[in-house]
C-alpha atoms as a PDB file:
ATOM      1  CA  MET A   1       3.039   9.270  23.081  1.00  0.00           C
ATOM      2  CA  SER A   2       3.708  13.240  22.225  1.00  0.00           C
ATOM      3  CA  ALA A   3       4.021  12.079  18.653  1.00  0.00           C
ATOM      4  CA  LEU A   4       0.946  11.459  18.215  1.00  0.00           C
ATOM      5  CA  ARG A   5      -1.928  13.603  17.597  1.00  0.00           C
ATOM      6  CA  PRO A   6      -5.497  13.114  16.713  1.00  0.00           C
ATOM      7  CA  ALA A   7      -7.000  13.338  13.651  1.00  0.00           C
ATOM      8  CA  ALA A   8      -9.315  15.813  11.891  1.00  0.00           C
ATOM      9  CA  ALA A   9     -12.798  15.176  12.266  1.00  0.00           C
ATOM     10  CA  GLY A  10     -14.729  13.758   8.781  1.00  0.00           C
ATOM     11  CA  PRO A  11     -15.113  11.262   5.907  1.00  0.00           C
ATOM     12  CA  VAL A  12     -11.731   9.705   5.708  1.00  0.00           C
ATOM     13  CA  LEU A  13     -12.366   7.172   2.713  1.00  0.00           C
ATOM     14  CA  GLU A  14     -15.338   7.303   0.387  1.00  0.00           C
ATOM     15  CA  LEU A  15     -15.628   4.478  -2.475  1.00  0.00           C
ATOM     16  CA  ALA A  16     -18.046   4.793  -5.290  1.00  0.00           C
ATOM     17  CA  GLY A  17     -18.808   2.928  -8.060  1.00  0.00           C
ATOM     18  CA  ILE A  18     -15.195   1.782  -8.205  1.00  0.00           C
ATOM     19  CA  THR A  19     -14.053  -0.849 -10.908  1.00  0.00           C
ATOM     20  CA  LYS A  20     -10.930  -1.841 -11.637  1.00  0.00           C
ATOM     21  CA  THR A  21     -10.291  -3.500 -15.436  1.00  0.00           C
ATOM     22  CA  TYR A  22      -6.433  -5.187 -16.619  1.00  0.00           C
ATOM     23  CA  ASN A  23      -5.651  -4.884 -20.126  1.00  0.00           C
ATOM     24  CA  PRO A  24      -8.565  -2.871 -21.243  1.00  0.00           C
ATOM     25  CA  GLY A  25      -9.962  -2.792 -25.059  1.00  0.00           C
ATOM     26  CA  THR A  26      -8.370  -6.274 -25.562  1.00  0.00           C
ATOM     27  CA  PRO A  27      -9.802  -9.597 -25.734  1.00  0.00           C
ATOM     28  CA  VAL A  28      -7.706 -10.419 -22.242  1.00  0.00           C
ATOM     29  CA  ALA A  29      -9.386  -7.793 -20.834  1.00  0.00           C
ATOM     30  CA  THR A  30     -10.696  -8.462 -17.248  1.00  0.00           C
ATOM     31  CA  GLU A  31     -12.536  -6.780 -14.491  1.00  0.00           C
ATOM     32  CA  VAL A  32     -11.776  -8.079 -11.238  1.00  0.00           C
ATOM     33  CA  LEU A  33     -13.626  -5.239  -8.897  1.00  0.00           C
ATOM     34  CA  HIS A  34     -17.575  -4.540 -10.113  1.00  0.00           C
ATOM     35  CA  GLY A  35     -19.145  -1.884  -8.593  1.00  0.00           C
ATOM     36  CA  ILE A  36     -17.142  -1.167  -4.890  1.00  0.00           C
ATOM     37  CA  ASP A  37     -19.393   1.060  -2.740  1.00  0.00           C
ATOM     38  CA  LEU A  38     -17.311   1.591   0.592  1.00  0.00           C
ATOM     39  CA  SER A  39     -17.054   4.294   2.796  1.00  0.00           C
ATOM     40  CA  LEU A  40     -14.810   4.556   6.640  1.00  0.00           C
ATOM     41  CA  ALA A  41     -15.708   7.312   8.754  1.00  0.00           C
ATOM     42  CA  GLU A  42     -12.627   8.609  11.495  1.00  0.00           C
ATOM     43  CA  GLY A  43     -12.273   6.146  13.917  1.00  0.00           C
ATOM     44  CA  GLU A  44     -13.503   2.770  12.225  1.00  0.00           C
ATOM     45  CA  PHE A  45     -11.488  -0.534  12.288  1.00  0.00           C
ATOM     46  CA  THR A  46     -13.107  -2.335  10.080  1.00  0.00           C
ATOM     47  CA  ALA A  47     -11.729  -6.017   8.362  1.00  0.00           C
ATOM     48  CA  LEU A  48     -11.702  -6.552   4.889  1.00  0.00           C
ATOM     49  CA  VAL A  49     -11.910 -10.599   4.223  1.00  0.00           C
ATOM     50  CA  GLY A  50     -12.792 -12.769   1.367  1.00  0.00           C
ATOM     51  CA  PRO A  51     -11.594 -15.963  -0.249  1.00  0.00           C
ATOM     52  CA  SER A  52      -8.031 -15.616  -2.234  1.00  0.00           C
ATOM     53  CA  GLY A  53      -8.535 -14.181  -5.557  1.00  0.00           C
ATOM     54  CA  SER A  54     -11.396 -12.071  -4.529  1.00  0.00           C
ATOM     55  CA  GLY A  55      -9.999  -8.760  -5.627  1.00  0.00           C
ATOM     56  CA  LYS A  56      -8.474  -8.255  -2.217  1.00  0.00           C
ATOM     57  CA  SER A  57      -5.136  -7.060  -2.820  1.00  0.00           C
ATOM     58  CA  THR A  58      -6.335  -4.964  -5.920  1.00  0.00           C
ATOM     59  CA  LEU A  59      -8.844  -2.849  -3.706  1.00  0.00           C
ATOM     60  CA  LEU A  60      -6.104  -2.157  -1.536  1.00  0.00           C
ATOM     61  CA  ASN A  61      -3.647  -0.870  -4.131  1.00  0.00           C
ATOM     62  CA  LEU A  62      -6.180   0.981  -4.925  1.00  0.00           C
ATOM     63  CA  ILE A  63      -7.241   2.355  -2.082  1.00  0.00           C
ATOM     64  CA  GLY A  64      -3.852   3.007  -1.125  1.00  0.00           C
ATOM     65  CA  LEU A  65      -3.245   4.900  -4.311  1.00  0.00           C
ATOM     66  CA  LEU A  66      -0.783   2.840  -5.761  1.00  0.00           C
ATOM     67  CA  GLU A  67      -3.338   1.925  -9.170  1.00  0.00           C
ATOM     68  CA  ARG A  68      -5.778   3.721 -10.230  1.00  0.00           C
ATOM     69  CA  PRO A  69      -9.359   2.709 -10.735  1.00  0.00           C
ATOM     70  CA  SER A  70     -10.928   2.102 -14.152  1.00  0.00           C
ATOM     71  CA  ALA A  71     -13.813   3.819 -13.287  1.00  0.00           C
ATOM     72  CA  GLY A  72     -15.869   5.348  -9.998  1.00  0.00           C
ATOM     73  CA  ARG A  73     -14.673   7.758  -7.592  1.00  0.00           C
ATOM     74  CA  LEU A  74     -12.027   7.630  -4.551  1.00  0.00           C
ATOM     75  CA  LEU A  75     -11.884  10.204  -1.948  1.00  0.00           C
ATOM     76  CA  ILE A  76      -9.287  10.160   0.590  1.00  0.00           C
ATOM     77  CA  ALA A  77      -9.455  12.831   3.426  1.00  0.00           C
ATOM     78  CA  GLY A  78     -12.406  14.582   1.117  1.00  0.00           C
ATOM     79  CA  ARG A  79      -9.991  15.000  -1.693  1.00  0.00           C
ATOM     80  CA  ASP A  80     -11.058  13.488  -4.832  1.00  0.00           C
ATOM     81  CA  THR A  81      -7.990  11.608  -6.298  1.00  0.00           C
ATOM     82  CA  GLY A  82      -9.619  10.998  -9.587  1.00  0.00           C
ATOM     83  CA  GLN A  83      -8.988  14.697  -9.965  1.00  0.00           C
ATOM     84  CA  LEU A  84      -5.042  14.836  -8.886  1.00  0.00           C
ATOM     85  CA  ASP A  85      -1.879  14.132 -10.969  1.00  0.00           C
ATOM     86  CA  GLU A  86       0.811  11.584 -10.109  1.00  0.00           C
ATOM     87  CA  ALA A  87       2.858  14.059  -8.093  1.00  0.00           C
ATOM     88  CA  ALA A  88      -0.242  15.003  -5.852  1.00  0.00           C
ATOM     89  CA  LEU A  89      -0.976  11.500  -5.726  1.00  0.00           C
ATOM     90  CA  THR A  90       2.469  10.743  -4.217  1.00  0.00           C
ATOM     91  CA  ALA A  91       1.908  13.572  -1.687  1.00  0.00           C
ATOM     92  CA  LEU A  92      -1.435  12.671  -0.137  1.00  0.00           C
ATOM     93  CA  ARG A  93      -0.260   9.073  -0.223  1.00  0.00           C
ATOM     94  CA  GLY A  94       2.665  10.015   2.082  1.00  0.00           C
ATOM     95  CA  ARG A  95       0.592  12.105   4.402  1.00  0.00           C
ATOM     96  CA  SER A  96      -3.025  10.560   4.850  1.00  0.00           C
ATOM     97  CA  ILE A  97      -1.891   7.035   4.634  1.00  0.00           C
ATOM     98  CA  GLY A  98       0.194   4.657   6.568  1.00  0.00           C
ATOM     99  CA  PHE A  99       1.008   1.273   5.298  1.00  0.00           C
ATOM    100  CA  VAL A 100       1.235  -2.047   7.569  1.00  0.00           C
ATOM    101  CA  PHE A 101       2.083  -5.826   5.386  1.00  0.00           C
ATOM    102  CA  GLN A 102       2.641  -8.704   6.424  1.00  0.00           C
ATOM    103  CA  PHE A 103       6.161  -8.910   5.884  1.00  0.00           C
ATOM    104  CA  HIS A 104       7.766  -5.741   7.797  1.00  0.00           C
ATOM    105  CA  HIS A 105       9.592  -4.355   4.602  1.00  0.00           C
ATOM    106  CA  LEU A 106      11.876  -2.388   7.022  1.00  0.00           C
ATOM    107  CA  LEU A 107      15.223  -1.171   5.746  1.00  0.00           C
ATOM    108  CA  PRO A 108      17.929  -3.757   6.806  1.00  0.00           C
ATOM    109  CA  ALA A 109      20.804  -1.315   6.895  1.00  0.00           C
ATOM    110  CA  PHE A 110      19.174   1.013   9.240  1.00  0.00           C
ATOM    111  CA  THR A 111      18.325   0.418  13.044  1.00  0.00           C
ATOM    112  CA  ALA A 112      15.020   1.151  14.186  1.00  0.00           C
ATOM    113  CA  HIS A 113      14.588   4.308  15.323  1.00  0.00           C
ATOM    114  CA  GLU A 114      16.115   4.833  11.233  1.00  0.00           C
ATOM    115  CA  ASN A 115      13.470   3.318   9.934  1.00  0.00           C
ATOM    116  CA  VAL A 116      10.723   4.718  11.698  1.00  0.00           C
ATOM    117  CA  MET A 117      12.641   8.463  10.780  1.00  0.00           C
ATOM    118  CA  MET A 118      12.035   7.489   7.096  1.00  0.00           C
ATOM    119  CA  PRO A 119       8.792   8.913   6.097  1.00  0.00           C
ATOM    120  CA  ALA A 120       9.358  12.215   7.683  1.00  0.00           C
ATOM    121  CA  LEU A 121      12.866  12.234   6.064  1.00  0.00           C
ATOM    122  CA  ILE A 122      11.276  11.603   2.781  1.00  0.00           C
ATOM    123  CA  ALA A 123       8.779  14.191   3.095  1.00  0.00           C
ATOM    124  CA  HIS A 124      10.949  16.637   4.665  1.00  0.00           C
ATOM    125  CA  GLY A 125      14.228  16.448   2.842  1.00  0.00           C
ATOM    126  CA  VAL A 126      16.205  16.519   6.175  1.00  0.00           C
ATOM    127  CA  ALA A 127      16.469  15.010   9.914  1.00  0.00           C
ATOM    128  CA  ASP A 128      15.956  17.679  12.527  1.00  0.00           C
ATOM    129  CA  PRO A 129      15.628  16.873  16.317  1.00  0.00           C
ATOM    130  CA  GLN A 130      11.645  16.890  16.445  1.00  0.00           C
ATOM    131  CA  ILE A 131      11.843  14.065  13.613  1.00  0.00           C
ATOM    132  CA  GLU A 132      14.342  12.042  15.785  1.00  0.00           C
ATOM    133  CA  ALA A 133      12.437  12.996  19.016  1.00  0.00           C
ATOM    134  CA  ASP A 134       8.605  12.193  17.185  1.00  0.00           C
ATOM    135  CA  ALA A 135      10.251   8.959  16.159  1.00  0.00           C
ATOM    136  CA  LEU A 136      11.666   7.699  19.413  1.00  0.00           C
ATOM    137  CA  ALA A 137       8.581   8.659  20.884  1.00  0.00           C
ATOM    138  CA  LEU A 138       6.779   6.403  18.681  1.00  0.00           C
ATOM    139  CA  LEU A 139       9.310   3.352  19.366  1.00  0.00           C
ATOM    140  CA  ASP A 140       8.422   3.994  23.018  1.00  0.00           C
ATOM    141  CA  ALA A 141       4.728   3.530  22.757  1.00  0.00           C
ATOM    142  CA  VAL A 142       5.108   0.303  20.776  1.00  0.00           C
ATOM    143  CA  GLY A 143       7.744  -0.685  23.505  1.00  0.00           C
ATOM    144  CA  LEU A 144      10.786  -0.667  21.719  1.00  0.00           C
ATOM    145  CA  LYS A 145      12.514   2.187  22.984  1.00  0.00           C
ATOM    146  CA  ALA A 146      15.184   0.694  24.250  1.00  0.00           C
ATOM    147  CA  HIS A 147      15.984  -1.239  20.901  1.00  0.00           C
ATOM    148  CA  ALA A 148      16.071   1.986  19.078  1.00  0.00           C
ATOM    149  CA  HIS A 149      19.091   1.518  17.847  1.00  0.00           C
ATOM    150  CA  LYS A 150      19.369  -2.303  16.575  1.00  0.00           C
ATOM    151  CA  LYS A 151      18.947  -3.584  12.787  1.00  0.00           C
ATOM    152  CA  PRO A 152      15.781  -5.289  11.832  1.00  0.00           C
ATOM    153  CA  THR A 153      17.813  -8.903  12.152  1.00  0.00           C
ATOM    154  CA  GLN A 154      18.814  -8.044  15.664  1.00  0.00           C
ATOM    155  CA  LEU A 155      15.060  -7.857  16.428  1.00  0.00           C
ATOM    156  CA  SER A 156      12.157 -10.652  16.334  1.00  0.00           C
ATOM    157  CA  GLY A 157       9.474 -10.659  13.862  1.00  0.00           C
ATOM    158  CA  GLY A 158       6.810  -9.700  16.616  1.00  0.00           C
ATOM    159  CA  GLN A 159       9.652  -6.396  17.062  1.00  0.00           C
ATOM    160  CA  GLN A 160       9.673  -5.718  13.644  1.00  0.00           C
ATOM    161  CA  GLN A 161       6.238  -5.582  12.913  1.00  0.00           C
ATOM    162  CA  ARG A 162       6.075  -2.932  15.860  1.00  0.00           C
ATOM    163  CA  VAL A 163       8.536  -1.316  14.098  1.00  0.00           C
ATOM    164  CA  ALA A 164       6.670  -1.215  11.061  1.00  0.00           C
ATOM    165  CA  ILE A 165       3.610  -0.220  12.695  1.00  0.00           C
ATOM    166  CA  ALA A 166       5.659   2.863  14.513  1.00  0.00           C
ATOM    167  CA  ARG A 167       6.491   3.998  10.859  1.00  0.00           C
ATOM    168  CA  ALA A 168       2.999   3.834   9.198  1.00  0.00           C
ATOM    169  CA  LEU A 169       2.243   6.362  12.064  1.00  0.00           C
ATOM    170  CA  ALA A 170       5.393   8.593  11.168  1.00  0.00           C
ATOM    171  CA  LEU A 171       2.926  11.350   9.425  1.00  0.00           C
ATOM    172  CA  ARG A 172       0.355  10.814  11.961  1.00  0.00           C
ATOM    173  CA  PRO A 173      -1.765   9.324   8.593  1.00  0.00           C
ATOM    174  CA  ARG A 174      -5.624   9.344   8.179  1.00  0.00           C
ATOM    175  CA  LEU A 175      -5.950   5.929   7.393  1.00  0.00           C
ATOM    176  CA  ILE A 176      -3.816   2.678   8.012  1.00  0.00           C
ATOM    177  CA  LEU A 177      -4.153  -0.072   5.364  1.00  0.00           C
ATOM    178  CA  ALA A 178      -2.887  -3.550   7.188  1.00  0.00           C
ATOM    179  CA  ASP A 179      -2.497  -6.496   4.679  1.00  0.00           C
ATOM    180  CA  GLU A 180      -2.358  -9.462   6.778  1.00  0.00           C
ATOM    181  CA  PRO A 181      -0.514  -7.496   9.651  1.00  0.00           C
ATOM    182  CA  THR A 182      -0.356 -10.657  12.222  1.00  0.00           C
ATOM    183  CA  GLY A 183      -0.135 -13.710   9.011  1.00  0.00           C
ATOM    184  CA  ASN A 184       3.461 -14.299   9.404  1.00  0.00           C
ATOM    185  CA  LEU A 185       3.183 -14.694  13.126  1.00  0.00           C
ATOM    186  CA  ASP A 186       2.717 -16.763  16.317  1.00  0.00           C
ATOM    187  CA  THR A 187      -0.802 -16.250  17.875  1.00  0.00           C
ATOM    188  CA  ARG A 188       0.211 -14.507  20.883  1.00  0.00           C
ATOM    189  CA  THR A 189       2.421 -12.182  19.040  1.00  0.00           C
ATOM    190  CA  ALA A 190      -0.563 -11.690  16.425  1.00  0.00           C
ATOM    191  CA  ASP A 191      -3.045 -10.814  19.188  1.00  0.00           C
ATOM    192  CA  ASP A 192      -0.380  -8.265  20.700  1.00  0.00           C
ATOM    193  CA  ILE A 193       0.496  -6.884  17.507  1.00  0.00           C
ATOM    194  CA  PHE A 194      -3.754  -6.845  16.627  1.00  0.00           C
ATOM    195  CA  ALA A 195      -3.989  -4.959  19.649  1.00  0.00           C
ATOM    196  CA  LEU A 196      -1.455  -2.349  19.210  1.00  0.00           C
ATOM    197  CA  LEU A 197      -3.340  -1.258  16.162  1.00  0.00           C
ATOM    198  CA  ARG A 198      -6.374  -1.132  17.860  1.00  0.00           C
ATOM    199  CA  GLU A 199      -4.952   1.295  20.742  1.00  0.00           C
ATOM    200  CA  PHE A 200      -3.576   3.515  18.269  1.00  0.00           C
ATOM    201  CA  ASN A 201      -6.734   3.592  16.614  1.00  0.00           C
ATOM    202  CA  HIS A 202      -8.427   4.463  19.850  1.00  0.00           C
ATOM    203  CA  GLN A 203      -6.110   7.035  20.256  1.00  0.00           C
ATOM    204  CA  THR A 204      -5.147   8.627  17.609  1.00  0.00           C
ATOM    205  CA  ARG A 205      -8.774   8.115  15.709  1.00  0.00           C
ATOM    206  CA  CYS A 206      -7.355   7.424  12.746  1.00  0.00           C
ATOM    207  CA  ALA A 207      -9.584   4.963  10.131  1.00  0.00           C
ATOM    208  CA  CYS A 208      -8.102   1.291  10.220  1.00  0.00           C
ATOM    209  CA  LEU A 209      -8.807  -1.194   7.109  1.00  0.00           C
ATOM    210  CA  ILE A 210      -7.963  -4.447   8.026  1.00  0.00           C
ATOM    211  CA  VAL A 211      -7.232  -7.468   5.746  1.00  0.00           C
ATOM    212  CA  THR A 212      -7.111 -10.312   7.655  1.00  0.00           C
ATOM    213  CA  HIS A 213      -7.794 -14.373   7.183  1.00  0.00           C
ATOM    214  CA  ASP A 214      -8.442 -14.662  11.069  1.00  0.00           C
ATOM    215  CA  PRO A 215     -11.745 -15.045  12.170  1.00  0.00           C
ATOM    216  CA  ARG A 216     -10.923 -14.511  15.267  1.00  0.00           C
ATOM    217  CA  LEU A 217      -9.054 -10.952  14.425  1.00  0.00           C
ATOM    218  CA  ALA A 218     -12.024 -10.226  12.337  1.00  0.00           C
ATOM    219  CA  ALA A 219     -14.755 -10.388  14.882  1.00  0.00           C
ATOM    220  CA  ARG A 220     -12.773  -7.752  17.056  1.00  0.00           C
ATOM    221  CA  CYS A 221     -13.012  -5.598  14.548  1.00  0.00           C
ATOM    222  CA  ASP A 222     -15.796  -2.446  14.218  1.00  0.00           C
ATOM    223  CA  ARG A 223     -17.542  -4.307  11.399  1.00  0.00           C
ATOM    224  CA  THR A 224     -16.441  -6.606   8.609  1.00  0.00           C
ATOM    225  CA  VAL A 225     -16.639  -6.279   4.795  1.00  0.00           C
ATOM    226  CA  THR A 226     -16.207  -9.445   2.709  1.00  0.00           C
ATOM    227  CA  LEU A 227     -15.335  -9.335  -0.836  1.00  0.00           C
ATOM    228  CA  VAL A 228     -16.442 -12.390  -3.370  1.00  0.00           C
ATOM    229  CA  ASP A 229     -15.591 -12.441  -7.009  1.00  0.00           C
ATOM    230  CA  GLY A 230     -14.939  -8.273  -6.975  1.00  0.00           C
ATOM    231  CA  ARG A 231     -18.375  -7.474  -4.937  1.00  0.00           C
ATOM    232  CA  LEU A 232     -18.374  -6.475  -1.470  1.00  0.00           C
ATOM    233  CA  VAL A 233     -20.629  -8.022   0.693  1.00  0.00           C
ATOM    234  CA  ILE A 234     -21.156  -5.847   3.612  1.00  0.00           C
END
């Protein structure tokens, strides 16, 4: 676990009056998010639920700095993202946010070890012994040190998702965004993956926002927020 460090204290995510409109200023303008207010503190483990089409993916894209809101303020680790240019947004995303998806999106040509190293390689531009050691420690933490040199096609679905979680933690992010991380897994493996995310949440004090359709998993989170027709119901 030497690769993991506790996050610094302080608010991690703050949304105030966030809206998102597609095709603004045209006859087909569509506002899909309406005045979203949300805050996540250090160590919070929150489920985001809601019916299909409610705007969950759009909200996650905004929080993940993949899109910009149409209005409102979005702060990550105390930084007002509306004041940042694209280069600064990219740097903040890489440093402060880890992503886990329903489908692992591992790079098939690289080993598990290399996949976990990838965020640090992108951030620093070169491999060094510390990056390699940190990635191996993360694989050990998810129970896959013995599989470090296997490629994704040589791993089960659950093992691939464990590698994806280790990769998401590579830069010790303040915030983990997980979009249906167990949606493609059987119940037992889903429970294992959820428990692993929860363990890292406790150990590193990172904030976690988990999109899930599984009421069993949502019930095990610290709190649940529901998005309905682009509005949050806390």
